Amino acid sequence: MASLHDVVKRCLQPSSARPWLLYDPDVFLPTPFDAFLLSGDCAEVQWPEDLQPAEEVNICFLLGCGRSGSTICAEILSHYRSLIFLNEPRQLWIPAAPFFDVWSAAAPDRGGRLTGGDAQALAKAMTSHYRRLASAVRGDSQEL
């Protein structure tokens, strides 16, 4: 499993592809990505117990179909310092909702599809992950 220390260390590294950001929005993409595609292995991020979700953080999910412009829209919005943009955080999605894996070789076994499932449960799980990430980025944990 990916340790939070490793993930946060990587997250807090400035993005060479997006120099205006003080963090790496690609931190939750499985690495190496080709190994994920071939195996479907996607480690779940383990948050430290003392890292409580930042409840005051408002969450807005920007979703779109492939090649629809959602990435450029998110990159434009990421110029606002109060926003956190994560680029396809599969390490957060797939453990919470494995049926959303339509990319990897394990997708057929997981029933990979982009419809169905409990959208409210997924949104609740993702909201918790994003709020914990906001706490980590702000340095709210003593364990980091």
Protein backbone atom coordinates (compact mmCIF):
# COMPACT_ATOMS: atom_id res chain seq x y z
CA MET A 1 0.00 0.00 0.00
CA ALA A 2 1.14 3.54 -0.66
CA SER A 3 2.27 5.23 2.51
CA LEU A 4 0.83 8.65 3.14
CA HIS A 5 4.29 9.98 3.88
CA ASP A 6 5.39 9.03 0.36
CA VAL A 7 2.21 10.36 -1.21
CA VAL A 8 2.34 13.66 0.70
CA LYS A 9 6.04 14.08 -0.04
CA ARG A 10 5.27 13.62 -3.73
CA CYS A 11 2.18 15.80 -3.49
CA LEU A 12 4.08 18.68 -1.93
CA GLN A 13 6.68 18.66 -4.70
CA PRO A 14 5.99 21.48 -7.14
CA SER A 15 4.70 20.29 -10.49
CA SER A 16 7.20 20.71 -13.31
CA ALA A 17 4.32 20.48 -15.80
CA ARG A 18 2.29 23.12 -13.94
CA PRO A 19 4.77 25.60 -12.41
CA TRP A 20 2.04 27.79 -10.90
CA LEU A 21 1.05 24.98 -8.50
CA LEU A 22 2.78 24.35 -5.18
CA TYR A 23 1.77 20.67 -5.27
CA ASP A 24 1.61 17.81 -7.77
CA PRO A 25 -1.96 17.20 -9.04
CA ASP A 26 -0.90 13.84 -10.51
CA VAL A 27 0.11 12.37 -7.14
CA PHE A 28 -2.79 9.89 -7.01
CA LEU A 29 -2.22 8.42 -10.45
CA PRO A 30 -0.93 4.88 -9.96
CA THR A 31 2.79 4.67 -10.72
CA PRO A 32 4.08 3.25 -12.88
CA PHE A 33 0.91 3.80 -14.86
CA ASP A 34 1.61 1.04 -17.39
CA ALA A 35 1.91 -1.47 -14.51
CA PHE A 36 -1.55 -0.38 -13.32
CA LEU A 37 -2.98 -0.83 -16.81
CA LEU A 38 -1.49 -4.31 -17.12
CA SER A 39 -2.30 -5.55 -13.60
CA GLY A 40 -5.14 -3.42 -12.27
CA ASP A 41 -3.17 -3.04 -9.01
CA CYS A 42 -4.04 0.24 -7.37
CA ALA A 43 -2.89 0.66 -3.78
CA GLU A 44 -5.22 2.32 -1.33
CA VAL A 45 -3.85 5.38 0.43
CA GLN A 46 -3.67 4.94 4.21
CA TRP A 47 -4.20 8.22 6.06
CA PRO A 48 -2.66 8.77 9.53
CA GLU A 49 -5.21 8.48 12.31
CA ASP A 50 -4.54 12.01 13.54
CA LEU A 51 -5.21 13.52 10.10
CA GLN A 52 -8.82 14.58 10.40
CA PRO A 53 -10.76 15.73 7.34
CA ALA A 54 -10.83 19.50 6.97
CA GLU A 55 -14.60 19.80 7.36
CA GLU A 56 -14.65 23.48 6.44
CA VAL A 57 -13.30 22.66 2.97
CA ASN A 58 -15.97 22.84 0.29
CA ILE A 59 -15.82 20.08 -2.31
CA CYS A 60 -16.85 20.43 -5.95
CA PHE A 61 -16.30 17.58 -8.37
CA LEU A 62 -15.64 18.52 -11.98
CA LEU A 63 -16.38 15.52 -14.19
CA GLY A 64 -16.33 15.05 -17.90
CA CYS A 65 -15.99 12.48 -20.63
CA GLY A 66 -12.61 11.81 -22.18
CA ARG A 67 -11.44 14.50 -24.59
CA SER A 68 -14.24 16.86 -23.45
CA GLY A 69 -12.06 19.66 -22.05
CA SER A 70 -12.42 18.88 -18.33
CA THR A 71 -8.63 18.78 -17.78
CA ILE A 72 -8.04 22.21 -19.33
CA CYS A 73 -10.99 23.59 -17.36
CA ALA A 74 -9.49 22.17 -14.14
CA GLU A 75 -6.06 23.54 -15.01
CA ILE A 76 -7.52 27.00 -15.57
CA LEU A 77 -9.36 26.83 -12.23
CA SER A 78 -6.17 25.60 -10.52
CA HIS A 79 -4.67 29.07 -10.95
CA TYR A 80 -6.79 30.08 -7.94
CA ARG A 81 -4.65 29.43 -4.85
CA SER A 82 -7.62 28.33 -2.76
CA LEU A 83 -8.42 25.40 -5.08
CA ILE A 84 -6.86 21.94 -5.13
CA PHE A 85 -6.91 20.22 -8.50
CA LEU A 86 -6.25 16.48 -8.68
CA ASN A 87 -5.74 14.97 -12.11
CA GLU A 88 -7.60 11.64 -12.32
CA PRO A 89 -6.83 10.42 -8.78
CA ARG A 90 -7.30 6.72 -9.50
CA GLN A 91 -5.66 5.71 -6.19
CA LEU A 92 -8.65 7.35 -4.49
CA TRP A 93 -11.39 6.23 -6.92
CA ILE A 94 -10.64 2.59 -7.51
CA PRO A 95 -10.35 1.36 -3.90
CA ALA A 96 -13.63 3.20 -3.13
CA ALA A 97 -15.45 2.04 -6.28
CA PRO A 98 -13.57 -0.71 -8.17
CA PHE A 99 -16.33 -0.95 -10.78
CA PHE A 100 -15.23 2.47 -12.12
CA ASP A 101 -11.99 0.89 -13.39
CA VAL A 102 -12.49 0.85 -17.14
CA TRP A 103 -8.78 1.26 -17.96
CA SER A 104 -6.85 -1.69 -16.57
CA ALA A 105 -6.65 -5.36 -17.49
CA ALA A 106 -8.61 -6.08 -14.28
CA ALA A 107 -11.60 -4.03 -15.47
CA PRO A 108 -13.57 -7.03 -16.84
CA ASP A 109 -13.22 -8.87 -13.49
CA ARG A 110 -14.27 -5.72 -11.63
CA GLY A 111 -17.27 -5.22 -13.90
CA GLY A 112 -15.72 -1.96 -15.12
CA ARG A 113 -18.31 0.54 -16.26
CA LEU A 114 -18.98 4.24 -15.93
CA THR A 115 -22.57 3.85 -14.82
CA GLY A 116 -24.34 2.38 -11.84
CA GLY A 117 -23.10 1.95 -8.32
CA ASP A 118 -23.93 4.03 -5.30
CA ALA A 119 -23.03 7.56 -6.39
CA GLN A 120 -23.76 9.04 -2.94
CA ALA A 121 -21.48 6.53 -1.19
CA LEU A 122 -18.72 7.21 -3.71
CA ALA A 123 -19.12 10.99 -3.33
CA LYS A 124 -18.96 10.62 0.47
CA ALA A 125 -15.77 8.51 0.28
CA MET A 126 -14.14 10.88 -2.20
CA THR A 127 -15.12 13.92 -0.12
CA SER A 128 -13.40 12.39 2.91
CA HIS A 129 -10.24 11.70 0.84
CA TYR A 130 -10.16 15.25 -0.55
CA ARG A 131 -10.68 16.81 2.88
CA ARG A 132 -7.87 14.68 4.34
CA LEU A 133 -5.65 15.72 1.45
CA ALA A 134 -6.47 19.37 2.18
CA SER A 135 -5.44 18.77 5.81
CA ALA A 136 -2.20 17.10 4.69
CA VAL A 137 -1.35 19.93 2.27
CA ARG A 138 -1.98 22.47 5.05
CA GLY A 139 0.21 20.46 7.45
CA ASP A 140 -2.52 19.57 9.99
CA SER A 141 -0.98 16.16 10.91
CA GLN A 142 1.72 15.67 13.52
CA GLU A 143 2.75 12.40 11.81
CA LEU A 144 3.86 14.05 8.54
